[in-house]
Protein backbone atom coordinates (compact mmCIF):
# COMPACT_ATOMS: atom_id res chain seq x y z
CA MET A 1 0.01 0.00 -0.01
CA ARG A 2 1.34 3.46 -0.84
CA LYS A 3 2.37 5.80 1.94
CA GLY A 4 -0.22 8.37 0.92
CA ALA A 5 -2.99 5.81 1.09
CA LYS A 6 -1.87 4.74 4.55
CA LEU A 7 -1.94 8.34 5.73
CA SER A 8 -5.42 8.81 4.27
CA ILE A 9 -6.72 5.74 6.11
CA SER A 10 -5.11 6.86 9.35
CA ALA A 11 -6.62 10.33 8.97
CA ALA A 12 -10.04 8.80 8.32
CA ALA A 13 -9.71 6.60 11.40
CA ILE A 14 -8.80 9.58 13.54
CA ALA A 15 -11.74 11.52 12.14
CA VAL A 16 -14.17 8.71 12.93
CA PHE A 17 -12.74 8.37 16.41
CA GLY A 18 -13.06 12.12 16.89
CA VAL A 19 -16.72 12.14 15.82
CA SER A 20 -17.47 9.13 18.04
CA GLY A 21 -15.78 10.83 20.94
CA LEU A 22 -17.78 13.99 20.46
CA VAL A 23 -21.00 12.00 20.27
CA ALA A 24 -20.10 10.16 23.47
CA ILE A 25 -19.32 13.43 25.23
CA ARG A 26 -22.56 14.97 23.99
CA ASP A 27 -24.60 11.98 25.10
CA GLY A 28 -22.84 11.96 28.46
CA VAL A 29 -23.65 15.64 29.06
CA VAL A 30 -27.25 15.05 28.03
CA ASP A 31 -27.52 12.01 30.34
CA THR A 32 -26.20 14.09 33.21
CA ALA A 33 -28.77 16.82 32.61
CA VAL A 34 -31.63 14.28 32.40
CA ASN A 35 -30.48 12.40 35.51
CA THR A 36 -30.15 15.61 37.49
CA ALA A 37 -33.68 16.69 36.48
CA ASN A 38 -35.04 13.24 37.31
CA ILE A 39 -33.47 13.22 40.77
CA GLU A 40 -34.84 16.70 41.45
CA MET A 41 -38.35 15.65 40.41
CA LEU A 42 -38.15 12.54 42.59
CA THR A 43 -37.44 14.72 45.63
CA TRP A 44 -40.70 16.58 45.03
CA GLY A 45 -42.70 13.40 45.48
CA ALA A 46 -40.63 12.18 48.40
CA SER A 47 -40.83 15.44 50.35
CA GLY A 48 -44.41 16.31 49.49
CA ALA A 49 -43.31 19.93 49.12
CA ALA A 50 -44.24 21.85 45.99
CA PRO A 51 -41.18 22.98 44.03
CA GLY A 52 -40.64 26.67 43.48
CA VAL A 53 -41.26 28.38 40.15
CA GLU A 54 -37.56 28.84 39.53
CA THR A 55 -36.83 25.18 40.23
CA GLN A 56 -39.52 24.05 37.84
CA ARG A 57 -38.17 26.45 35.23
CA TRP A 58 -34.61 25.09 35.25
CA VAL A 59 -35.81 21.50 35.27
CA ARG A 60 -38.01 22.17 32.23
CA GLU A 61 -35.27 24.08 30.42
CA ASP A 62 -32.71 21.35 31.06
CA LEU A 63 -35.07 18.64 29.80
CA GLU A 64 -36.04 20.65 26.70
CA TRP A 65 -32.33 21.26 26.02
CA ALA A 66 -31.69 17.51 26.36
CA VAL A 67 -34.53 16.41 24.09
CA ALA A 68 -33.43 18.89 21.42
CA ARG A 69 -30.06 17.13 21.30
CA VAL A 70 -31.09 13.53 21.82
CA SER A 71 -34.66 13.20 20.60
CA ASP A 72 -34.96 9.41 20.86
CA ASP A 73 -34.64 9.05 24.62
CA PRO A 74 -38.02 7.97 26.07
CA VAL A 75 -37.01 8.99 29.61
CA THR A 76 -36.61 12.66 28.63
CA HIS A 77 -39.98 12.73 26.90
CA GLU A 78 -41.69 11.06 29.85
CA LEU A 79 -40.17 13.48 32.35
CA LEU A 80 -41.37 16.43 30.28
CA GLY A 81 -44.82 14.88 30.17
CA THR A 82 -44.83 14.35 33.92
CA LEU A 83 -43.69 17.91 34.50
CA ALA A 84 -46.65 19.18 32.48
CA LEU A 85 -49.03 16.73 34.17
CA ARG A 86 -47.86 17.77 37.60
CA GLY A 87 -49.31 21.25 37.35
CA LEU A 88 -51.78 21.43 34.47
CA SER A 89 -51.72 25.11 35.34
CA LYS A 90 -51.64 26.38 31.76
CA PRO A 91 -54.09 25.51 28.99
CA ASP A 92 -51.23 24.02 26.97
CA ASP A 93 -50.03 21.66 29.71
CA ALA A 94 -52.54 18.88 28.95
CA ARG A 95 -51.54 18.86 25.27
CA VAL A 96 -47.84 18.85 26.11
CA ALA A 97 -48.26 15.99 28.58
CA TYR A 98 -50.26 13.94 26.07
CA GLU A 99 -47.80 14.49 23.25
CA ARG A 100 -44.78 13.68 25.38
CA TYR A 101 -46.36 10.47 26.71
CA ARG A 102 -47.39 9.36 23.23
CA GLU A 103 -43.87 10.05 22.04
CA THR A 104 -42.55 7.91 24.92
CA LEU A 105 -44.84 5.05 23.93
CA GLN A 106 -43.60 5.15 20.35
CA MET A 107 -40.20 4.21 21.73
CA ARG A 108 -41.24 2.17 24.78
CA PRO A 109 -44.76 0.81 24.27
CA SER A 110 -44.51 -1.78 27.04
CA SER A 111 -44.12 0.71 29.91
CA PRO A 112 -47.12 0.38 32.28
CA TYR A 113 -46.10 3.63 33.98
CA THR A 114 -46.57 5.69 30.83
CA TRP A 115 -49.96 4.12 30.17
CA MET A 116 -50.98 4.89 33.75
CA ARG A 117 -49.81 8.49 33.41
CA LEU A 118 -52.03 8.82 30.34
CA ALA A 119 -54.95 7.43 32.37
CA GLU A 120 -54.18 9.99 35.09
CA LEU A 121 -54.10 12.77 32.49
CA LYS A 122 -57.53 11.76 31.21
CA TYR A 123 -58.92 11.56 34.73
CA ARG A 124 -57.54 14.95 35.77
CA THR A 125 -58.96 16.62 32.66
CA GLY A 126 -62.39 15.13 33.32
CA ASP A 127 -62.40 12.58 30.52
CA THR A 128 -63.02 9.13 31.96
CA GLY A 129 -64.51 7.58 28.83
CA ALA A 130 -63.17 4.95 26.45
CA LYS A 131 -59.63 6.30 26.20
CA PHE A 132 -59.25 6.50 29.98
CA GLU A 133 -60.43 2.92 30.28
CA ASP A 134 -58.12 1.76 27.51
CA TYR A 135 -55.08 3.36 29.14
CA LEU A 136 -56.03 1.93 32.54
CA GLN A 137 -56.44 -1.54 31.10
CA ARG A 138 -53.12 -1.39 29.26
CA ALA A 139 -51.34 -0.31 32.46
CA ALA A 140 -52.95 -3.15 34.43
CA GLU A 141 -52.12 -5.70 31.74
CA LEU A 142 -48.46 -4.70 31.59
CA GLY A 143 -47.80 -3.87 35.24
CA HIS A 144 -50.26 -5.56 37.58
CA ALA A 145 -47.35 -6.75 39.75
CA GLU A 146 -45.91 -3.24 40.16
CA PRO A 147 -46.82 -1.52 43.48
CA GLU A 148 -47.06 1.95 41.89
CA ILE A 149 -49.42 0.64 39.20
CA GLN A 150 -51.54 -1.07 41.84
CA ARG A 151 -51.77 2.11 43.93
CA GLU A 152 -52.54 4.47 41.06
CA GLY A 153 -54.89 2.06 39.35
CA ALA A 154 -56.87 1.59 42.55
CA PHE A 155 -56.92 5.34 43.23
CA LEU A 156 -58.16 6.23 39.74
CA GLY A 157 -60.34 3.19 39.18
CA LEU A 158 -62.24 3.37 42.45
CA ALA A 159 -63.07 7.03 41.82
CA VAL A 160 -65.26 6.04 38.84
CA TYR A 161 -65.78 2.35 39.62
CA ASP A 162 -69.52 2.25 39.04
CA ASP A 163 -69.19 3.95 35.66
CA LEU A 164 -66.53 1.61 34.28
CA SER A 165 -67.20 -0.96 31.60
CA ALA A 166 -66.92 -4.62 32.63
CA PRO A 167 -63.39 -5.06 31.15
CA ALA A 168 -62.08 -1.88 32.80
CA ARG A 169 -63.64 -2.84 36.13
CA ALA A 170 -62.02 -6.26 35.88
CA ALA A 171 -58.65 -4.56 35.33
CA VAL A 172 -59.13 -2.46 38.48
CA ASP A 173 -60.15 -5.61 40.40
CA THR A 174 -56.95 -7.30 39.25
CA LEU A 175 -54.84 -4.42 40.56
CA LEU A 176 -56.77 -4.32 43.84
CA GLN A 177 -56.34 -8.05 44.41
CA ALA A 178 -52.62 -7.86 43.66
CA GLY A 179 -52.36 -4.89 46.01
CA ILE A 180 -54.28 -6.72 48.76
CA ARG A 181 -51.89 -9.67 48.55
CA ARG A 182 -48.90 -7.31 48.70
CA ASP A 183 -50.06 -4.75 51.26
CA THR A 184 -53.66 -5.06 52.49
CA PRO A 185 -53.61 -1.97 54.79
CA GLU A 186 -52.42 0.23 51.95
CA MET A 187 -55.25 -0.87 49.67
CA MET A 188 -57.68 -0.33 52.54
CA ARG A 189 -56.40 3.23 53.01
CA ILE A 190 -56.84 4.02 49.33
CA SER A 191 -60.30 2.45 49.30
CA ARG A 192 -61.36 4.32 52.41
CA ARG A 193 -60.17 7.60 50.90
CA ARG A 194 -62.26 6.87 47.80
CA GLY A 195 -65.23 5.77 49.89
CA ARG A 196 -65.16 2.31 48.30
CA LEU A 197 -64.22 -0.08 51.07
CA ASP A 198 -67.12 -2.20 49.90
CA VAL A 199 -65.33 -3.01 46.64
CA THR A 200 -62.01 -3.91 48.27
CA CYS A 201 -63.59 -5.84 51.09
CA GLY A 202 -65.74 -7.75 48.66
CA LEU A 203 -62.67 -8.78 46.68
CA ALA A 204 -60.70 -9.61 49.85
CA SER A 205 -63.44 -11.84 51.20
CA GLY A 206 -63.16 -14.09 48.18
CA MET A 207 -59.38 -14.45 48.33
CA ALA A 208 -57.99 -17.67 49.74
CA SER A 209 -55.13 -15.88 51.46
CA GLY A 210 -57.50 -13.89 53.67
CA ILE A 211 -56.66 -10.54 55.29
CA ASP A 212 -55.27 -9.36 58.60
CA SER A 213 -57.56 -8.83 61.60
CA LYS A 214 -57.41 -5.03 61.51
CA SER A 215 -58.40 -4.94 57.86
CA SER A 216 -61.11 -7.48 58.56
CA GLN A 217 -62.54 -5.17 61.21
CA SER A 218 -62.51 -2.30 58.68
CA CYS A 219 -64.64 -4.45 56.39
CA GLN A 220 -67.34 -5.15 58.96
CA GLY A 221 -70.58 -3.55 57.92
CA THR A 222 -69.56 -3.01 54.29
CA GLU A 223 -71.26 -6.08 52.91
């Protein structure tokens, strides 16, 4: 091989390595921004304290910056959707949340959490019709063993239990039963808050595993 050809190949290899290195650096910076925003948002739920306007602003700006550079990361889209869903303070928030969640599902259709967030969006905007039921059922189908899905499905489903179609009600029952097996008192608290101890107690009474004595006392008089 001629010397000039060898130099050309070496130069090309260096160029490819340089581009790959830049891409890795870019992706690393984006990952850091997304992880930082995610951690910050997790503290909001853990503390129960509402974040300040300035905090929400930098989180949103960092996530929008990240998604503009790496558009195929489902986590970034979902976090932006959750940020919009959290407040729904502006008329545009519901649309933003919906679009971000749908974008997430294009890349990660098997996530029960995203389906449940869509169900929550429908519930919070007063639309508990066919789409709400579909999202709820998809979440239950994909994540019935997940505690967060059980909790949220029970909370949303029991709020409109009597209005649900038979398939949607069955999905809520599945989540309730899984939740009862995992943590009966928690399901009782959610049901009491929704004023639907009768539903949970009725399901519990037919379960072979039974329930603890305190929960059993809570169920007295609900039949």
